[in-house]
Amino acid sequence: MTPARDETPAPATSPTATSSAAGCPLGNMAGPGYAREWALFCDYAAATGQPALPTTVATLAGFFTAVPARPATLGRRVRAIAAAHRHAGHLLLRPDTGPAAPPASRPARAAGADPGEMIGACATRGWPYGLHGRRDAFLVVTTHVVGLPHDRTRALVPPDVRFAADPVPGALGADTLASDGVLLADWLVPVDTDPRRCPVCAVVRWLDILGTLDGLGRGSARMHLTAAHAPTNADPHHHTVPGPPRWRAAATLLPAIDRHGWLDDYRPITTRTIRTRLALTTDRTTHPARHDTPAPPAAQNQVPHPPRTAPETRTPSLDEVLGLLDGVADDADALNDRITALLNDHLGPP
């Protein structure tokens, strides 16, 4: 039984009223997976005379107060509204409290591991260690600094990274970013005073080499890393990617890379590899002298080995060589005689 409609518009709360985004004047901006949630928010905004895209903090707070639901459903609605804003090039402004508030930062997964020390322990130059090291530092930023889960980390794509200077038409929230700010999956990446430990510098270093590797090829990436210099605490920060933004054309921000530096363009890194690389990074922090491959022992720690001497050889004389050849000829004659005898016995006399 369908209840009678009141003349005063009211937010649509039934699943039937929100089963499609066809009635939303803004269309299905959130994608087909969030059609119902986005249509419900559009209905509420239209009924209350408030903007839906871009929306305001007051509209979000009123929506979640007027249309309560279970925590899982509220989470889907937040993701739907955020997806619509991201698709339209807007930054969703969230309240400090309530269901739409950003979640608290997760603590580092590795006990006692400092993210800054982990970033500083990653290689930034050399081949292929610099390539893997820059990707490891980016993994530290996504998992330990920003706090993304592993499955979300491996699904990162170029649109998930926003710089303050990005020319996004009609984008909101640019004023909330500093001139060198970076948003990673809608999270603001913090800045450290030391360029070696700075999360923003780590993001830029990885995007720089990813664009070279994906856009120009393995040879160019190898030359770039071979000629690069490791950062020091006195170097300037680099919070913008130099040159053309080739990294924006990559299919994924964390592609699979083998031990030799070959790139798999469309296959992202696995969660098992993420755990392995983070464990190696933590081990580098605890043991700075260790690397991905065992380093040769220091000269003072090498065990001295006795020098190898070549076995003594003697050049045979001419008589010895002739005697050896005569013996070989006799053996060959004897073998021929034996073969002839066997053939005669088998075939009979001619």
Protein backbone atom coordinates (compact mmCIF):
# COMPACT_ATOMS: atom_id res chain seq x y z
CA MET A 1 0.00 0.00 0.00
CA THR A 2 1.46 3.32 -1.11
CA PRO A 3 0.91 6.25 1.30
CA ALA A 4 -0.76 9.35 -0.11
CA ARG A 5 1.58 12.15 -1.05
CA ASP A 6 1.45 15.40 0.86
CA GLU A 7 1.46 18.65 -1.08
CA THR A 8 4.60 19.80 0.73
CA PRO A 9 7.71 18.20 -0.81
CA ALA A 10 9.51 15.84 1.55
CA PRO A 11 12.73 13.86 1.29
CA ALA A 12 12.29 10.51 -0.42
CA THR A 13 13.19 7.79 2.07
CA SER A 14 11.70 4.65 0.53
CA PRO A 15 13.77 2.33 -1.66
CA THR A 16 11.17 2.61 -4.39
CA ALA A 17 11.60 6.35 -4.58
CA THR A 18 15.36 6.05 -4.77
CA SER A 19 15.75 3.07 -7.05
CA SER A 20 16.92 5.22 -9.94
CA ALA A 21 18.68 8.52 -10.54
CA ALA A 22 16.50 9.29 -13.56
CA GLY A 23 14.52 11.91 -11.67
CA CYS A 24 17.64 13.73 -10.45
CA PRO A 25 18.27 16.89 -12.49
CA LEU A 26 22.03 16.39 -12.07
CA GLY A 27 21.95 12.90 -13.56
CA ASN A 28 23.84 9.90 -12.27
CA MET A 29 27.01 11.80 -11.32
CA ALA A 30 28.00 9.25 -8.67
CA GLY A 31 28.14 6.30 -11.04
CA PRO A 32 25.81 3.33 -11.49
CA GLY A 33 26.86 1.75 -8.21
CA TYR A 34 25.59 4.68 -6.17
CA ALA A 35 22.48 5.62 -8.19
CA ARG A 36 20.01 5.13 -5.33
CA GLU A 37 22.12 6.95 -2.75
CA TRP A 38 22.80 9.89 -5.05
CA ALA A 39 19.11 10.17 -6.06
CA LEU A 40 18.10 10.22 -2.39
CA PHE A 41 20.49 13.08 -1.66
CA CYS A 42 19.26 15.00 -4.73
CA ASP A 43 15.65 14.57 -3.54
CA TYR A 44 16.55 15.93 -0.10
CA ALA A 45 18.44 18.90 -1.54
CA ALA A 46 15.57 19.75 -3.91
CA ALA A 47 12.95 19.42 -1.16
CA THR A 48 14.84 21.69 1.22
CA GLY A 49 15.98 24.16 -1.40
CA GLN A 50 19.69 23.54 -0.76
CA PRO A 51 22.50 22.91 -3.27
CA ALA A 52 23.37 19.31 -4.09
CA LEU A 53 26.41 19.81 -6.31
CA PRO A 54 28.48 21.38 -4.96
CA THR A 55 26.89 20.92 -1.58
CA THR A 56 27.62 22.57 1.76
CA VAL A 57 28.50 21.32 5.21
CA ALA A 58 25.07 22.41 6.50
CA THR A 59 23.32 20.44 3.76
CA LEU A 60 25.30 17.30 4.59
CA ALA A 61 24.62 17.61 8.31
CA GLY A 62 20.91 18.18 7.72
CA PHE A 63 20.67 15.27 5.29
CA PHE A 64 22.15 12.72 7.67
CA THR A 65 20.00 14.04 10.51
CA ALA A 66 16.76 13.96 8.53
CA VAL A 67 17.39 10.60 6.84
CA PRO A 68 18.96 8.28 9.42
CA ALA A 69 20.15 4.79 8.53
CA ARG A 70 22.53 2.07 9.61
CA PRO A 71 26.25 2.93 9.71
CA ALA A 72 26.97 0.85 6.58
CA THR A 73 24.22 2.63 4.65
CA LEU A 74 25.43 6.02 5.85
CA GLY A 75 28.92 5.13 4.64
CA ARG A 76 27.60 4.29 1.17
CA ARG A 77 25.77 7.62 1.03
CA VAL A 78 28.93 9.51 1.95
CA ARG A 79 30.90 7.68 -0.74
CA ALA A 80 28.16 8.38 -3.30
CA ILE A 81 28.17 12.11 -2.57
CA ALA A 82 31.98 12.23 -2.61
CA ALA A 83 32.09 10.31 -5.92
CA ALA A 84 29.67 12.75 -7.54
CA HIS A 85 31.74 15.74 -6.40
CA ARG A 86 34.97 14.13 -7.57
CA HIS A 87 33.43 13.33 -10.97
CA ALA A 88 32.32 16.94 -11.36
CA GLY A 89 35.71 18.33 -10.30
CA HIS A 90 34.60 19.59 -6.87
CA LEU A 91 36.12 19.03 -3.46
CA LEU A 92 33.59 17.73 -0.93
CA LEU A 93 33.71 19.80 2.24
CA ARG A 94 32.94 17.55 5.21
CA PRO A 95 31.78 18.49 8.71
CA ASP A 96 33.97 17.84 11.72
CA THR A 97 31.45 15.50 13.34
CA GLY A 98 28.72 13.16 12.19
CA PRO A 99 28.54 10.39 9.59
CA ALA A 100 30.07 12.58 6.87
CA ALA A 101 33.12 13.54 8.95
CA PRO A 102 36.46 12.21 7.68
CA PRO A 103 37.60 9.10 9.54
CA ALA A 104 40.40 9.44 12.02
CA SER A 105 43.89 8.70 10.74
CA ARG A 106 44.93 5.11 11.26
CA PRO A 107 48.06 4.40 13.26
CA ALA A 108 51.06 2.86 11.57
CA ARG A 109 50.63 -0.86 11.09
CA ALA A 110 54.21 -1.73 11.94
CA ALA A 111 54.81 -1.40 15.65
CA GLY A 112 57.53 1.10 16.41
CA ALA A 113 58.00 2.05 12.74
CA ASP A 114 58.16 5.79 12.12
CA PRO A 115 56.79 6.69 8.65
CA GLY A 116 59.39 9.44 8.22
CA GLU A 117 62.23 7.04 8.97
CA MET A 118 60.72 4.48 6.59
CA ILE A 119 60.56 7.04 3.78
CA GLY A 120 64.12 8.16 4.45
CA ALA A 121 65.35 4.56 4.33
CA CYS A 122 64.03 4.03 0.79
CA ALA A 123 66.43 4.36 -2.13
CA THR A 124 65.80 7.27 -4.51
CA ARG A 125 68.50 6.69 -7.13
CA GLY A 126 70.21 3.81 -8.93
CA TRP A 127 68.73 1.04 -11.05
CA PRO A 128 66.55 -0.76 -10.25
CA TYR A 129 66.84 -0.01 -6.52
CA GLY A 130 65.77 3.60 -6.95
CA LEU A 131 62.66 2.52 -8.84
CA HIS A 132 61.58 0.07 -6.15
CA GLY A 133 62.63 2.47 -3.40
CA ARG A 134 60.50 5.32 -4.72
CA ARG A 135 57.51 3.02 -5.01
CA ASP A 136 58.13 1.75 -1.47
CA ALA A 137 58.16 5.32 -0.15
CA PHE A 138 54.86 5.99 -1.92
CA LEU A 139 53.45 2.84 -0.28
CA VAL A 140 54.51 4.15 3.12
CA VAL A 141 52.67 7.41 2.44
CA THR A 142 49.47 5.67 1.36
CA THR A 143 49.36 3.01 4.09
CA HIS A 144 51.14 4.56 7.09
CA VAL A 145 50.74 8.32 6.63
CA VAL A 146 47.32 8.55 4.97
CA GLY A 147 46.11 5.25 6.40
CA LEU A 148 44.52 3.64 3.35
CA PRO A 149 43.86 -0.12 3.49
CA HIS A 150 45.85 -2.33 1.18
CA ASP A 151 43.00 -3.07 -1.21
CA ARG A 152 42.28 0.65 -1.59
CA THR A 153 45.97 1.37 -2.04
CA ARG A 154 46.39 -1.03 -4.97
CA ALA A 155 43.31 0.50 -6.65
CA LEU A 156 44.71 4.05 -6.70
CA VAL A 157 44.54 5.77 -10.09
CA PRO A 158 45.89 9.17 -11.25
CA PRO A 159 42.61 11.06 -10.55
CA ASP A 160 43.05 10.15 -6.87
CA VAL A 161 45.97 12.62 -6.66
CA ARG A 162 45.19 16.34 -6.63
CA PHE A 163 47.69 19.18 -6.48
CA ALA A 164 46.76 22.71 -5.46
CA ALA A 165 47.87 24.02 -8.84
CA ASP A 166 45.79 21.51 -10.83
CA PRO A 167 43.70 23.36 -13.45
CA VAL A 168 40.34 21.74 -12.63
CA PRO A 169 37.53 23.94 -14.02
CA GLY A 170 35.01 24.89 -11.35
CA ALA A 171 36.89 23.00 -8.63
CA LEU A 172 36.06 23.93 -5.07
CA GLY A 173 38.37 23.67 -2.15
CA ALA A 174 41.52 24.86 -3.91
CA ASP A 175 41.77 27.67 -1.38
CA THR A 176 41.87 25.11 1.42
CA LEU A 177 45.14 23.69 0.02
CA ALA A 178 48.47 25.35 0.47
CA SER A 179 50.39 26.26 -2.64
CA ASP A 180 52.38 23.01 -2.27
CA GLY A 181 49.54 20.86 -0.93
CA VAL A 182 48.67 17.38 -2.23
CA LEU A 183 45.43 15.46 -1.80
CA LEU A 184 45.70 11.67 -1.98
CA ALA A 185 42.32 9.92 -2.14
CA ASP A 186 40.73 13.06 -0.61
CA TRP A 187 43.29 13.06 2.22
CA LEU A 188 45.74 15.90 2.73
CA VAL A 189 49.32 14.61 2.70
CA PRO A 190 51.38 16.25 5.48
CA VAL A 191 54.74 17.94 4.97
CA ASP A 192 57.98 17.24 6.85
CA THR A 193 60.83 19.71 7.30
CA ASP A 194 63.40 17.15 6.09
CA PRO A 195 63.18 16.48 2.33
CA ARG A 196 64.41 12.93 2.90
CA ARG A 197 61.44 12.19 5.18
CA CYS A 198 58.82 14.45 3.59
CA PRO A 199 55.70 12.51 2.46
CA VAL A 200 54.84 15.08 -0.22
CA CYS A 201 58.37 14.84 -1.65
CA ALA A 202 58.03 11.04 -1.67
CA VAL A 203 54.77 11.29 -3.64
CA VAL A 204 56.34 13.67 -6.16
CA ARG A 205 59.46 11.50 -6.59
CA TRP A 206 57.33 8.44 -7.37
CA LEU A 207 54.98 10.26 -9.76
CA ASP A 208 58.00 11.71 -11.57
CA ILE A 209 59.65 8.34 -12.23
CA LEU A 210 56.29 6.64 -12.91
CA GLY A 211 55.59 9.15 -15.66
CA THR A 212 59.03 8.57 -17.16
CA LEU A 213 58.71 4.78 -16.97
CA ASP A 214 55.15 4.67 -18.32
CA GLY A 215 55.49 7.44 -20.90
CA LEU A 216 59.07 7.21 -22.14
CA GLY A 217 60.05 3.63 -21.36
CA ARG A 218 62.40 1.62 -19.23
CA GLY A 219 65.59 3.00 -20.79
CA SER A 220 64.70 6.60 -20.00
CA ALA A 221 63.74 5.68 -16.45
CA ARG A 222 67.05 3.89 -16.00
CA MET A 223 69.04 6.90 -17.22
CA HIS A 224 67.00 9.22 -15.00
CA LEU A 225 67.60 7.17 -11.85
CA THR A 226 71.27 6.57 -12.65
CA ALA A 227 71.91 10.31 -12.95
CA ALA A 228 69.74 11.26 -9.97
CA HIS A 229 71.18 12.41 -6.64
CA ALA A 230 70.00 11.22 -3.25
CA PRO A 231 68.28 14.02 -1.30
CA THR A 232 69.90 15.54 1.79
CA ASN A 233 68.45 17.52 4.65
CA ALA A 234 69.81 20.72 3.08
CA ASP A 235 68.15 20.21 -0.32
CA PRO A 236 65.02 22.15 -1.28
CA HIS A 237 61.64 20.45 -1.20
CA HIS A 238 60.00 19.31 -4.44
CA HIS A 239 56.23 19.43 -4.07
CA THR A 240 55.32 19.60 -7.75
CA VAL A 241 56.18 17.13 -10.49
CA PRO A 242 58.66 18.70 -12.92
CA GLY A 243 58.03 18.60 -16.63
CA PRO A 244 54.95 17.21 -18.39
CA PRO A 245 52.55 15.27 -16.13
CA ARG A 246 53.05 11.94 -17.92
CA TRP A 247 51.99 10.06 -14.79
CA ARG A 248 48.38 11.12 -15.40
CA ALA A 249 48.26 8.80 -18.42
CA ALA A 250 49.19 5.72 -16.35
CA ALA A 251 46.49 3.09 -15.87
CA THR A 252 47.30 2.68 -12.18
CA LEU A 253 49.49 4.49 -9.67
CA LEU A 254 50.99 1.27 -8.33
CA PRO A 255 51.72 -1.04 -11.26
CA ALA A 256 53.43 -4.37 -10.89
CA ILE A 257 57.19 -4.10 -11.49
CA ASP A 258 59.52 -7.08 -11.57
CA ARG A 259 62.98 -7.20 -10.04
CA HIS A 260 64.58 -6.02 -13.29
CA GLY A 261 62.41 -2.92 -13.62
CA TRP A 262 59.99 -4.18 -16.27
CA LEU A 263 56.56 -2.57 -15.91
CA ASP A 264 53.18 -4.26 -16.25
CA ASP A 265 51.08 -1.33 -17.46
CA TYR A 266 47.62 -2.52 -16.50
CA ARG A 267 48.18 -4.98 -13.64
CA PRO A 268 48.33 -3.29 -10.23
CA ILE A 269 50.51 -4.43 -7.40
CA THR A 270 49.10 -7.24 -5.25
CA THR A 271 48.31 -6.93 -1.55
CA ARG A 272 50.87 -9.65 -0.85
CA THR A 273 53.55 -7.57 -2.57
CA ILE A 274 52.44 -4.51 -0.58
CA ARG A 275 52.94 -6.39 2.69
CA THR A 276 56.31 -7.70 1.53
CA ARG A 277 57.61 -4.29 0.42
CA LEU A 278 56.45 -2.64 3.65
CA ALA A 279 58.19 -5.35 5.66
CA LEU A 280 61.41 -4.75 3.70
CA THR A 281 61.09 -1.01 4.30
CA THR A 282 60.64 -1.54 8.02
CA ASP A 283 63.70 -3.80 8.02
CA ARG A 284 65.74 -1.08 6.28
CA THR A 285 64.71 1.32 9.04
CA THR A 286 65.91 -1.12 11.70
CA HIS A 287 69.04 -2.16 9.80
CA PRO A 288 70.12 0.76 7.59
CA ALA A 289 73.01 -1.24 6.12
CA ARG A 290 70.71 -3.84 4.59
CA HIS A 291 69.29 -3.64 1.08
CA ASP A 292 67.08 -5.74 -1.16
CA THR A 293 70.11 -7.80 -2.17
CA PRO A 294 73.01 -8.75 0.11
CA ALA A 295 75.81 -6.25 -0.10
CA PRO A 296 79.38 -7.49 -0.56
CA PRO A 297 81.25 -7.74 2.74
CA ALA A 298 83.59 -4.96 3.73
CA ALA A 299 87.26 -5.38 2.92
CA GLN A 300 88.23 -5.63 6.58
CA ASN A 301 85.68 -8.40 7.17
CA GLN A 302 86.67 -10.55 4.23
CA VAL A 303 88.32 -13.85 5.07
CA PRO A 304 91.69 -14.06 3.25
CA HIS A 305 91.91 -16.95 0.84
CA PRO A 306 95.20 -18.51 -0.31
CA PRO A 307 96.11 -17.46 -3.85
CA ARG A 308 95.18 -19.94 -6.51
CA THR A 309 98.03 -21.38 -8.54
CA ALA A 310 97.62 -22.80 -12.00
CA PRO A 311 98.34 -26.52 -12.31
CA GLU A 312 101.80 -27.29 -13.63
CA THR A 313 101.77 -28.19 -17.30
CA ARG A 314 104.53 -29.73 -19.50
CA THR A 315 104.72 -29.55 -23.26
CA PRO A 316 105.17 -33.09 -24.69
CA SER A 317 108.07 -33.76 -27.04
CA LEU A 318 107.69 -34.58 -30.73
CA ASP A 319 108.57 -38.27 -30.16
CA GLU A 320 105.83 -38.55 -27.55
CA VAL A 321 103.26 -37.00 -29.89
CA LEU A 322 104.25 -39.32 -32.76
CA GLY A 323 104.05 -42.32 -30.46
CA LEU A 324 100.58 -41.28 -29.33
CA LEU A 325 99.40 -40.91 -32.94
CA ASP A 326 100.81 -44.34 -33.84
CA GLY A 327 98.84 -45.86 -30.98
CA VAL A 328 95.65 -44.18 -32.16
CA ALA A 329 96.24 -45.45 -35.71
CA ASP A 330 96.79 -49.03 -34.45
CA ASP A 331 93.57 -48.86 -32.45
CA ALA A 332 91.70 -47.60 -35.53
CA ASP A 333 93.08 -50.43 -37.70
CA ALA A 334 92.10 -52.99 -35.10
CA LEU A 335 88.58 -51.55 -34.95
CA ASN A 336 88.23 -51.66 -38.75
CA ASP A 337 89.36 -55.30 -38.80
CA ARG A 338 86.79 -56.18 -36.16
CA ILE A 339 83.98 -54.46 -38.09
CA THR A 340 84.98 -56.26 -41.30
CA ALA A 341 84.95 -59.61 -39.51
CA LEU A 342 81.48 -58.98 -38.08
CA LEU A 343 80.10 -58.00 -41.48
CA ASN A 344 81.56 -61.13 -43.09
CA ASP A 345 80.03 -63.37 -40.44
CA HIS A 346 76.63 -61.73 -40.87
CA LEU A 347 76.51 -61.40 -44.66
CA GLY A 348 78.62 -64.41 -45.60
CA PRO A 349 81.56 -64.57 -48.03
CA PRO A 350 81.26 -62.44 -51.17
